[in-house]
Amino acid sequence: MVARGKPAPDIFLHAAAQMGIAPERSVVVEDSVAGIEGALAAGMRAFGFCGGSHCLADHGERLHAAGADAICPDAAGLRLALLGERPAMANA
C-alpha cells in the first residue's frame, strides 16, 4: 500500500489520510526505533511502547533516544500518556 517501509513516514501518512486525520493531530504508538523515526518524519507525536515480551531492559532508552514523546511501560502507561500525563520512563 506504500512505496517505502519504516523508518520512512509513508505508512503513517497513508493511515492518517485513510482516516481523514491531519498528521499533526495524530499519535503513533510504536515499539520500534524505526517506527518512532517514521512517525516523527510524518509530523506526528510518537509514544514508545515497552510492554511487549520482546522488549529488553534498554528498550525504553532506545525509543526515547529516537525521539519518542513519552515512554509507556504498559497499557496503563499508554492510557496516562494519551490523557496528557507523563508515565514514568520504563526500561531506561
PDB file of N, CA and C in Angstrom:
ATOM      1  N   MET A   1       0.802  -1.198   0.000  1.00  0.00           N
ATOM      2  CA  MET A   1       0.000   0.000   0.000  1.00  0.00           C
ATOM      3  C   MET A   1       0.851   1.270   0.000  1.00  0.00           C
ATOM      4  N   VAL A   2       2.126   1.141   0.418  1.00  0.00           N
ATOM      5  CA  VAL A   2       3.022   2.291   0.404  1.00  0.00           C
ATOM      6  C   VAL A   2       4.333   1.887  -0.269  1.00  0.00           C
ATOM      7  N   ALA A   3       5.026   2.880  -0.784  1.00  0.00           N
ATOM      8  CA  ALA A   3       6.265   2.610  -1.518  1.00  0.00           C
ATOM      9  C   ALA A   3       7.425   2.226  -0.602  1.00  0.00           C
ATOM     10  N   ARG A   4       7.501   2.841   0.564  1.00  0.00           N
ATOM     11  CA  ARG A   4       8.637   2.610   1.455  1.00  0.00           C
ATOM     12  C   ARG A   4       8.162   2.204   2.838  1.00  0.00           C
ATOM     13  N   GLY A   5       8.934   1.329   3.463  1.00  0.00           N
ATOM     14  CA  GLY A   5       8.635   0.912   4.834  1.00  0.00           C
ATOM     15  C   GLY A   5       9.299   1.825   5.848  1.00  0.00           C
ATOM     16  N   LYS A   6       9.061   1.532   7.116  1.00  0.00           N
ATOM     17  CA  LYS A   6       9.681   2.287   8.202  1.00  0.00           C
ATOM     18  C   LYS A   6      11.198   2.204   8.064  1.00  0.00           C
ATOM     19  N   PRO A   7      11.915   3.246   8.321  1.00  0.00           N
ATOM     20  CA  PRO A   7      11.538   4.475   9.018  1.00  0.00           C
ATOM     21  C   PRO A   7      10.972   5.581   8.129  1.00  0.00           C
ATOM     22  N   ALA A   8      10.700   5.299   6.860  1.00  0.00           N
ATOM     23  CA  ALA A   8      10.036   6.311   6.026  1.00  0.00           C
ATOM     24  C   ALA A   8       8.643   6.582   6.613  1.00  0.00           C
ATOM     25  N   PRO A   9       8.123   7.767   6.435  1.00  0.00           N
ATOM     26  CA  PRO A   9       6.825   8.112   7.030  1.00  0.00           C
ATOM     27  C   PRO A   9       5.614   7.602   6.248  1.00  0.00           C
ATOM     28  N   ASP A  10       5.842   6.924   5.135  1.00  0.00           N
ATOM     29  CA  ASP A  10       4.762   6.566   4.211  1.00  0.00           C
ATOM     30  C   ASP A  10       3.571   5.867   4.866  1.00  0.00           C
ATOM     31  N   ILE A  11       3.813   4.842   5.670  1.00  0.00           N
ATOM     32  CA  ILE A  11       2.718   4.073   6.253  1.00  0.00           C
ATOM     33  C   ILE A  11       1.887   4.926   7.211  1.00  0.00           C
ATOM     34  N   PHE A  12       2.534   5.806   7.941  1.00  0.00           N
ATOM     35  CA  PHE A  12       1.829   6.669   8.884  1.00  0.00           C
ATOM     36  C   PHE A  12       1.009   7.728   8.156  1.00  0.00           C
ATOM     37  N   LEU A  13       1.568   8.299   7.101  1.00  0.00           N
ATOM     38  CA  LEU A  13       0.826   9.281   6.315  1.00  0.00           C
ATOM     39  C   LEU A  13      -0.358   8.621   5.610  1.00  0.00           C
ATOM     40  N   HIS A  14      -0.168   7.414   5.125  1.00  0.00           N
ATOM     41  CA  HIS A  14      -1.255   6.666   4.480  1.00  0.00           C
ATOM     42  C   HIS A  14      -2.390   6.407   5.477  1.00  0.00           C
ATOM     43  N   ALA A  15      -2.047   5.954   6.668  1.00  0.00           N
ATOM     44  CA  ALA A  15      -3.063   5.672   7.685  1.00  0.00           C
ATOM     45  C   ALA A  15      -3.840   6.936   8.050  1.00  0.00           C
ATOM     46  N   ALA A  16      -3.144   8.039   8.240  1.00  0.00           N
ATOM     47  CA  ALA A  16      -3.816   9.298   8.579  1.00  0.00           C
ATOM     48  C   ALA A  16      -4.743   9.732   7.450  1.00  0.00           C
ATOM     49  N   ALA A  17      -4.282   9.619   6.212  1.00  0.00           N
ATOM     50  CA  ALA A  17      -5.109  10.004   5.070  1.00  0.00           C
ATOM     51  C   ALA A  17      -6.359   9.130   4.985  1.00  0.00           C
ATOM     52  N   GLN A  18      -6.204   7.838   5.221  1.00  0.00           N
ATOM     53  CA  GLN A  18      -7.342   6.920   5.171  1.00  0.00           C
ATOM     54  C   GLN A  18      -8.381   7.246   6.241  1.00  0.00           C
ATOM     55  N   MET A  19      -7.932   7.767   7.366  1.00  0.00           N
ATOM     56  CA  MET A  19      -8.847   8.116   8.461  1.00  0.00           C
ATOM     57  C   MET A  19      -9.310   9.565   8.398  1.00  0.00           C
ATOM     58  N   GLY A  20      -8.748  10.328   7.461  1.00  0.00           N
ATOM     59  CA  GLY A  20      -9.129  11.729   7.323  1.00  0.00           C
ATOM     60  C   GLY A  20      -8.631  12.604   8.450  1.00  0.00           C
ATOM     61  N   ILE A  21      -7.490  12.245   9.016  1.00  0.00           N
ATOM     62  CA  ILE A  21      -6.908  12.981  10.141  1.00  0.00           C
ATOM     63  C   ILE A  21      -5.594  13.629   9.699  1.00  0.00           C
ATOM     64  N   ALA A  22      -5.394  14.866  10.051  1.00  0.00           N
ATOM     65  CA  ALA A  22      -4.142  15.552   9.735  1.00  0.00           C
ATOM     66  C   ALA A  22      -3.004  14.921  10.535  1.00  0.00           C
ATOM     67  N   PRO A  23      -1.845  14.726   9.920  1.00  0.00           N
ATOM     68  CA  PRO A  23      -0.716  14.119  10.636  1.00  0.00           C
ATOM     69  C   PRO A  23      -0.388  14.805  11.957  1.00  0.00           C
ATOM     70  N   GLU A  24      -0.444  16.108  11.991  1.00  0.00           N
ATOM     71  CA  GLU A  24      -0.084  16.824  13.218  1.00  0.00           C
ATOM     72  C   GLU A  24      -1.107  16.624  14.336  1.00  0.00           C
ATOM     73  N   ARG A  25      -2.255  16.032  14.034  1.00  0.00           N
ATOM     74  CA  ARG A  25      -3.264  15.725  15.056  1.00  0.00           C
ATOM     75  C   ARG A  25      -3.274  14.240  15.390  1.00  0.00           C
ATOM     76  N   SER A  26      -2.245  13.538  14.942  1.00  0.00           N
ATOM     77  CA  SER A  26      -2.163  12.085  15.120  1.00  0.00           C
ATOM     78  C   SER A  26      -1.144  11.704  16.178  1.00  0.00           C
ATOM     79  N   VAL A  27      -1.393  10.556  16.790  1.00  0.00           N
ATOM     80  CA  VAL A  27      -0.461   9.971  17.747  1.00  0.00           C
ATOM     81  C   VAL A  27      -0.175   8.548  17.290  1.00  0.00           C
ATOM     82  N   VAL A  28       1.093   8.191  17.256  1.00  0.00           N
ATOM     83  CA  VAL A  28       1.512   6.845  16.887  1.00  0.00           C
ATOM     84  C   VAL A  28       2.066   6.160  18.130  1.00  0.00           C
ATOM     85  N   VAL A  29       1.658   4.920  18.345  1.00  0.00           N
ATOM     86  CA  VAL A  29       2.212   4.097  19.418  1.00  0.00           C
ATOM     87  C   VAL A  29       3.101   3.074  18.746  1.00  0.00           C
ATOM     88  N   GLU A  30       4.374   3.075  19.076  1.00  0.00           N
ATOM     89  CA  GLU A  30       5.353   2.221  18.406  1.00  0.00           C
ATOM     90  C   GLU A  30       6.270   1.542  19.397  1.00  0.00           C
ATOM     91  N   ASP A  31       6.696   0.341  19.025  1.00  0.00           N
ATOM     92  CA  ASP A  31       7.655  -0.379  19.867  1.00  0.00           C
ATOM     93  C   ASP A  31       9.003  -0.544  19.164  1.00  0.00           C
ATOM     94  N   SER A  32       9.205   0.193  18.061  1.00  0.00           N
ATOM     95  CA  SER A  32      10.482   0.088  17.349  1.00  0.00           C
ATOM     96  C   SER A  32      11.083   1.465  17.100  1.00  0.00           C
ATOM     97  N   VAL A  33      12.394   1.513  17.045  1.00  0.00           N
ATOM     98  CA  VAL A  33      13.097   2.763  16.742  1.00  0.00           C
ATOM     99  C   VAL A  33      12.697   3.242  15.359  1.00  0.00           C
ATOM    100  N   ALA A  34      12.645   2.344  14.374  1.00  0.00           N
ATOM    101  CA  ALA A  34      12.257   2.728  13.011  1.00  0.00           C
ATOM    102  C   ALA A  34      10.850   3.311  12.991  1.00  0.00           C
ATOM    103  N   GLY A  35       9.945   2.771  13.790  1.00  0.00           N
ATOM    104  CA  GLY A  35       8.588   3.287  13.855  1.00  0.00           C
ATOM    105  C   GLY A  35       8.528   4.669  14.469  1.00  0.00           C
ATOM    106  N   ILE A  36       9.293   4.890  15.534  1.00  0.00           N
ATOM    107  CA  ILE A  36       9.361   6.223  16.151  1.00  0.00           C
ATOM    108  C   ILE A  36       9.895   7.223  15.134  1.00  0.00           C
ATOM    109  N   GLU A  37      10.956   6.866  14.445  1.00  0.00           N
ATOM    110  CA  GLU A  37      11.550   7.756  13.442  1.00  0.00           C
ATOM    111  C   GLU A  37      10.563   8.059  12.326  1.00  0.00           C
ATOM    112  N   GLY A  38       9.828   7.057  11.862  1.00  0.00           N
ATOM    113  CA  GLY A  38       8.848   7.257  10.794  1.00  0.00           C
ATOM    114  C   GLY A  38       7.704   8.154  11.223  1.00  0.00           C
ATOM    115  N   ALA A  39       7.212   7.951  12.439  1.00  0.00           N
ATOM    116  CA  ALA A  39       6.124   8.786  12.950  1.00  0.00           C
ATOM    117  C   ALA A  39       6.557  10.246  13.049  1.00  0.00           C
ATOM    118  N   LEU A  40       7.744  10.478  13.561  1.00  0.00           N
ATOM    119  CA  LEU A  40       8.246  11.848  13.684  1.00  0.00           C
ATOM    120  C   LEU A  40       8.462  12.475  12.310  1.00  0.00           C
ATOM    121  N   ALA A  41       8.959  11.682  11.353  1.00  0.00           N
ATOM    122  CA  ALA A  41       9.151  12.190   9.996  1.00  0.00           C
ATOM    123  C   ALA A  41       7.817  12.558   9.351  1.00  0.00           C
ATOM    124  N   ALA A  42       6.732  11.905   9.786  1.00  0.00           N
ATOM    125  CA  ALA A  42       5.397  12.210   9.270  1.00  0.00           C
ATOM    126  C   ALA A  42       4.788  13.424   9.952  1.00  0.00           C
ATOM    127  N   GLY A  43       5.463  13.966  10.971  1.00  0.00           N
ATOM    128  CA  GLY A  43       4.948  15.114  11.688  1.00  0.00           C
ATOM    129  C   GLY A  43       3.962  14.753  12.784  1.00  0.00           C
ATOM    130  N   MET A  44       4.031  13.520  13.255  1.00  0.00           N
ATOM    131  CA  MET A  44       3.112  13.017  14.269  1.00  0.00           C
ATOM    132  C   MET A  44       3.814  12.909  15.617  1.00  0.00           C
ATOM    133  N   ARG A  45       3.024  12.863  16.682  1.00  0.00           N
ATOM    134  CA  ARG A  45       3.571  12.548  18.004  1.00  0.00           C
ATOM    135  C   ARG A  45       3.828  11.062  18.041  1.00  0.00           C
ATOM    136  N   ALA A  46       4.840  10.663  18.768  1.00  0.00           N
ATOM    137  CA  ALA A  46       5.195   9.249  18.854  1.00  0.00           C
ATOM    138  C   ALA A  46       5.366   8.844  20.307  1.00  0.00           C
ATOM    139  N   PHE A  47       4.636   7.812  20.711  1.00  0.00           N
ATOM    140  CA  PHE A  47       4.761   7.240  22.046  1.00  0.00           C
ATOM    141  C   PHE A  47       5.461   5.907  21.913  1.00  0.00           C
ATOM    142  N   GLY A  48       6.523   5.721  22.678  1.00  0.00           N
ATOM    143  CA  GLY A  48       7.240   4.457  22.682  1.00  0.00           C
ATOM    144  C   GLY A  48       6.581   3.479  23.636  1.00  0.00           C
ATOM    145  N   PHE A  49       6.342   2.264  23.179  1.00  0.00           N
ATOM    146  CA  PHE A  49       5.700   1.234  23.998  1.00  0.00           C
ATOM    147  C   PHE A  49       6.698   0.144  24.336  1.00  0.00           C
ATOM    148  N   CYS A  50       6.822  -0.161  25.608  1.00  0.00           N
ATOM    149  CA  CYS A  50       7.796  -1.151  26.083  1.00  0.00           C
ATOM    150  C   CYS A  50       7.132  -2.346  26.749  1.00  0.00           C
ATOM    151  N   GLY A  51       5.855  -2.549  26.532  1.00  0.00           N
ATOM    152  CA  GLY A  51       5.121  -3.599  27.230  1.00  0.00           C
ATOM    153  C   GLY A  51       5.207  -4.971  26.606  1.00  0.00           C
ATOM    154  N   GLY A  52       5.849  -5.097  25.466  1.00  0.00           N
ATOM    155  CA  GLY A  52       5.939  -6.389  24.801  1.00  0.00           C
ATOM    156  C   GLY A  52       7.003  -7.285  25.412  1.00  0.00           C
ATOM    157  N   SER A  53       6.790  -8.590  25.299  1.00  0.00           N
ATOM    158  CA  SER A  53       7.753  -9.539  25.871  1.00  0.00           C
ATOM    159  C   SER A  53       9.100  -9.493  25.156  1.00  0.00           C
ATOM    160  N   HIS A  54       9.140  -8.916  23.964  1.00  0.00           N
ATOM    161  CA  HIS A  54      10.391  -8.811  23.201  1.00  0.00           C
ATOM    162  C   HIS A  54      11.243  -7.626  23.635  1.00  0.00           C
ATOM    163  N   CYS A  55      10.711  -6.752  24.484  1.00  0.00           N
ATOM    164  CA  CYS A  55      11.423  -5.541  24.892  1.00  0.00           C
ATOM    165  C   CYS A  55      12.469  -5.860  25.958  1.00  0.00           C
ATOM    166  N   LEU A  56      13.699  -5.512  25.672  1.00  0.00           N
ATOM    167  CA  LEU A  56      14.801  -5.741  26.593  1.00  0.00           C
ATOM    168  C   LEU A  56      14.917  -4.579  27.580  1.00  0.00           C
ATOM    169  N   ALA A  57      15.825  -4.700  28.507  1.00  0.00           N
ATOM    170  CA  ALA A  57      15.974  -3.715  29.583  1.00  0.00           C
ATOM    171  C   ALA A  57      16.224  -2.295  29.084  1.00  0.00           C
ATOM    172  N   ASP A  58      16.904  -2.129  27.962  1.00  0.00           N
ATOM    173  CA  ASP A  58      17.223  -0.796  27.454  1.00  0.00           C
ATOM    174  C   ASP A  58      16.253  -0.302  26.384  1.00  0.00           C
ATOM    175  N   HIS A  59      15.137  -0.987  26.200  1.00  0.00           N
ATOM    176  CA  HIS A  59      14.208  -0.658  25.111  1.00  0.00           C
ATOM    177  C   HIS A  59      13.668   0.766  25.228  1.00  0.00           C
ATOM    178  N   GLY A  60      13.208   1.149  26.393  1.00  0.00           N
ATOM    179  CA  GLY A  60      12.683   2.494  26.591  1.00  0.00           C
ATOM    180  C   GLY A  60      13.717   3.567  26.320  1.00  0.00           C
ATOM    181  N   GLU A  61      14.928   3.310  26.743  1.00  0.00           N
ATOM    182  CA  GLU A  61      16.022   4.260  26.499  1.00  0.00           C
ATOM    183  C   GLU A  61      16.256   4.449  25.000  1.00  0.00           C
ATOM    184  N   ARG A  62      16.226   3.353  24.247  1.00  0.00           N
ATOM    185  CA  ARG A  62      16.439   3.446  22.791  1.00  0.00           C
ATOM    186  C   ARG A  62      15.292   4.192  22.106  1.00  0.00           C
ATOM    187  N   LEU A  63      14.057   3.955  22.529  1.00  0.00           N
ATOM    188  CA  LEU A  63      12.916   4.668  21.951  1.00  0.00           C
ATOM    189  C   LEU A  63      12.961   6.152  22.309  1.00  0.00           C
ATOM    190  N   HIS A  64      13.349   6.448  23.538  1.00  0.00           N
ATOM    191  CA  HIS A  64      13.499   7.838  23.964  1.00  0.00           C
ATOM    192  C   HIS A  64      14.583   8.536  23.138  1.00  0.00           C
ATOM    193  N   ALA A  65      15.714   7.877  22.942  1.00  0.00           N
ATOM    194  CA  ALA A  65      16.802   8.452  22.147  1.00  0.00           C
ATOM    195  C   ALA A  65      16.377   8.692  20.699  1.00  0.00           C
ATOM    196  N   ALA A  66      15.445   7.884  20.195  1.00  0.00           N
ATOM    197  CA  ALA A  66      14.948   8.051  18.832  1.00  0.00           C
ATOM    198  C   ALA A  66      13.975   9.221  18.722  1.00  0.00           C
ATOM    199  N   GLY A  67      13.522   9.743  19.883  1.00  0.00           N
ATOM    200  CA  GLY A  67      12.669  10.925  19.881  1.00  0.00           C
ATOM    201  C   GLY A  67      11.252  10.723  20.364  1.00  0.00           C
ATOM    202  N   ALA A  68      10.948   9.586  20.965  1.00  0.00           N
ATOM    203  CA  ALA A  68       9.594   9.346  21.462  1.00  0.00           C
ATOM    204  C   ALA A  68       9.182  10.436  22.456  1.00  0.00           C
ATOM    205  N   ASP A  69       7.964  10.903  22.330  1.00  0.00           N
ATOM    206  CA  ASP A  69       7.434  11.940  23.220  1.00  0.00           C
ATOM    207  C   ASP A  69       7.207  11.421  24.633  1.00  0.00           C
ATOM    208  N   ALA A  70       6.849  10.155  24.744  1.00  0.00           N
ATOM    209  CA  ALA A  70       6.626   9.517  26.037  1.00  0.00           C
ATOM    210  C   ALA A  70       7.003   8.052  25.897  1.00  0.00           C
ATOM    211  N   ILE A  71       7.406   7.466  26.998  1.00  0.00           N
ATOM    212  CA  ILE A  71       7.716   6.040  27.031  1.00  0.00           C
ATOM    213  C   ILE A  71       6.661   5.378  27.905  1.00  0.00           C
ATOM    214  N   CYS A  72       5.960   4.411  27.349  1.00  0.00           N
ATOM    215  CA  CYS A  72       4.863   3.743  28.040  1.00  0.00           C
ATOM    216  C   CYS A  72       5.281   2.315  28.376  1.00  0.00           C
ATOM    217  N   PRO A  73       5.384   2.005  29.656  1.00  0.00           N
ATOM    218  CA  PRO A  73       5.851   0.681  30.058  1.00  0.00           C
ATOM    219  C   PRO A  73       4.801  -0.415  29.873  1.00  0.00           C
ATOM    220  N   ASP A  74       3.528  -0.002  29.780  1.00  0.00           N
ATOM    221  CA  ASP A  74       2.440  -0.971  29.674  1.00  0.00           C
ATOM    222  C   ASP A  74       1.186  -0.230  29.214  1.00  0.00           C
ATOM    223  N   ALA A  75       0.056  -0.933  29.145  1.00  0.00           N
ATOM    224  CA  ALA A  75      -1.185  -0.322  28.681  1.00  0.00           C
ATOM    225  C   ALA A  75      -1.636   0.815  29.597  1.00  0.00           C
ATOM    226  N   ALA A  76      -1.429   0.685  30.897  1.00  0.00           N
ATOM    227  CA  ALA A  76      -1.807   1.749  31.833  1.00  0.00           C
ATOM    228  C   ALA A  76      -0.983   3.010  31.563  1.00  0.00           C
ATOM    229  N   GLY A  77       0.302   2.839  31.287  1.00  0.00           N
ATOM    230  CA  GLY A  77       1.158   3.975  30.962  1.00  0.00           C
ATOM    231  C   GLY A  77       0.747   4.632  29.657  1.00  0.00           C
ATOM    232  N   LEU A  78       0.297   3.826  28.707  1.00  0.00           N
ATOM    233  CA  LEU A  78      -0.187   4.365  27.443  1.00  0.00           C
ATOM    234  C   LEU A  78      -1.435   5.212  27.674  1.00  0.00           C
ATOM    235  N   ARG A  79      -2.331   4.732  28.507  1.00  0.00           N
ATOM    236  CA  ARG A  79      -3.543   5.484  28.825  1.00  0.00           C
ATOM    237  C   ARG A  79      -3.186   6.829  29.457  1.00  0.00           C
ATOM    238  N   LEU A  80      -2.226   6.836  30.375  1.00  0.00           N
ATOM    239  CA  LEU A  80      -1.787   8.085  31.003  1.00  0.00           C
ATOM    240  C   LEU A  80      -1.223   9.048  29.966  1.00  0.00           C
ATOM    241  N   ALA A  81      -0.409   8.534  29.050  1.00  0.00           N
ATOM    242  CA  ALA A  81       0.188   9.374  28.019  1.00  0.00           C
ATOM    243  C   ALA A  81      -0.889   9.973  27.114  1.00  0.00           C
ATOM    244  N   LEU A  82      -1.891   9.180  26.758  1.00  0.00           N
ATOM    245  CA  LEU A  82      -2.971   9.674  25.907  1.00  0.00           C
ATOM    246  C   LEU A  82      -3.819  10.725  26.609  1.00  0.00           C
ATOM    247  N   LEU A  83      -3.875  10.655  27.931  1.00  0.00           N
ATOM    248  CA  LEU A  83      -4.625  11.634  28.707  1.00  0.00           C
ATOM    249  C   LEU A  83      -3.799  12.882  29.016  1.00  0.00           C
ATOM    250  N   GLY A  84      -2.550  12.888  28.570  1.00  0.00           N
ATOM    251  CA  GLY A  84      -1.705  14.050  28.761  1.00  0.00           C
ATOM    252  C   GLY A  84      -0.818  14.007  29.977  1.00  0.00           C
ATOM    253  N   GLU A  85      -0.821  12.878  30.676  1.00  0.00           N
ATOM    254  CA  GLU A  85       0.061  12.713  31.810  1.00  0.00           C
ATOM    255  C   GLU A  85       1.285  11.947  31.348  1.00  0.00           C
ATOM    256  N   ARG A  86       2.421  12.230  31.914  1.00  0.00           N
ATOM    257  CA  ARG A  86       3.651  11.541  31.536  1.00  0.00           C
ATOM    258  C   ARG A  86       3.855  10.292  32.378  1.00  0.00           C
ATOM    259  N   PRO A  87       3.874   9.100  31.737  1.00  0.00           N
ATOM    260  CA  PRO A  87       4.185   7.899  32.517  1.00  0.00           C
ATOM    261  C   PRO A  87       5.651   7.892  32.891  1.00  0.00           C
ATOM    262  N   ALA A  88       5.969   7.147  33.901  1.00  0.00           N
ATOM    263  CA  ALA A  88       7.375   7.002  34.298  1.00  0.00           C
ATOM    264  C   ALA A  88       8.136   6.338  33.163  1.00  0.00           C
ATOM    265  N   MET A  89       9.365   6.741  32.978  1.00  0.00           N
ATOM    266  CA  MET A  89      10.190   6.151  31.919  1.00  0.00           C
ATOM    267  C   MET A  89      10.505   4.707  32.313  1.00  0.00           C
ATOM    268  N   ALA A  90      10.159   3.788  31.458  1.00  0.00           N
ATOM    269  CA  ALA A  90      10.400   2.374  31.733  1.00  0.00           C
ATOM    270  C   ALA A  90      11.552   1.876  30.902  1.00  0.00           C
ATOM    271  N   ASN A  91      12.281   0.933  31.435  1.00  0.00           N
ATOM    272  CA  ASN A  91      13.380   0.307  30.707  1.00  0.00           C
ATOM    273  C   ASN A  91      14.423   1.306  30.253  1.00  0.00           C
ATOM    274  N   ALA A  92      14.610   2.370  30.983  1.00  0.00           N
ATOM    275  CA  ALA A  92      15.602   3.370  30.580  1.00  0.00           C
ATOM    276  C   ALA A  92      16.709   3.439  31.594  1.00  0.00           C
TER     277      ALA A  92
END
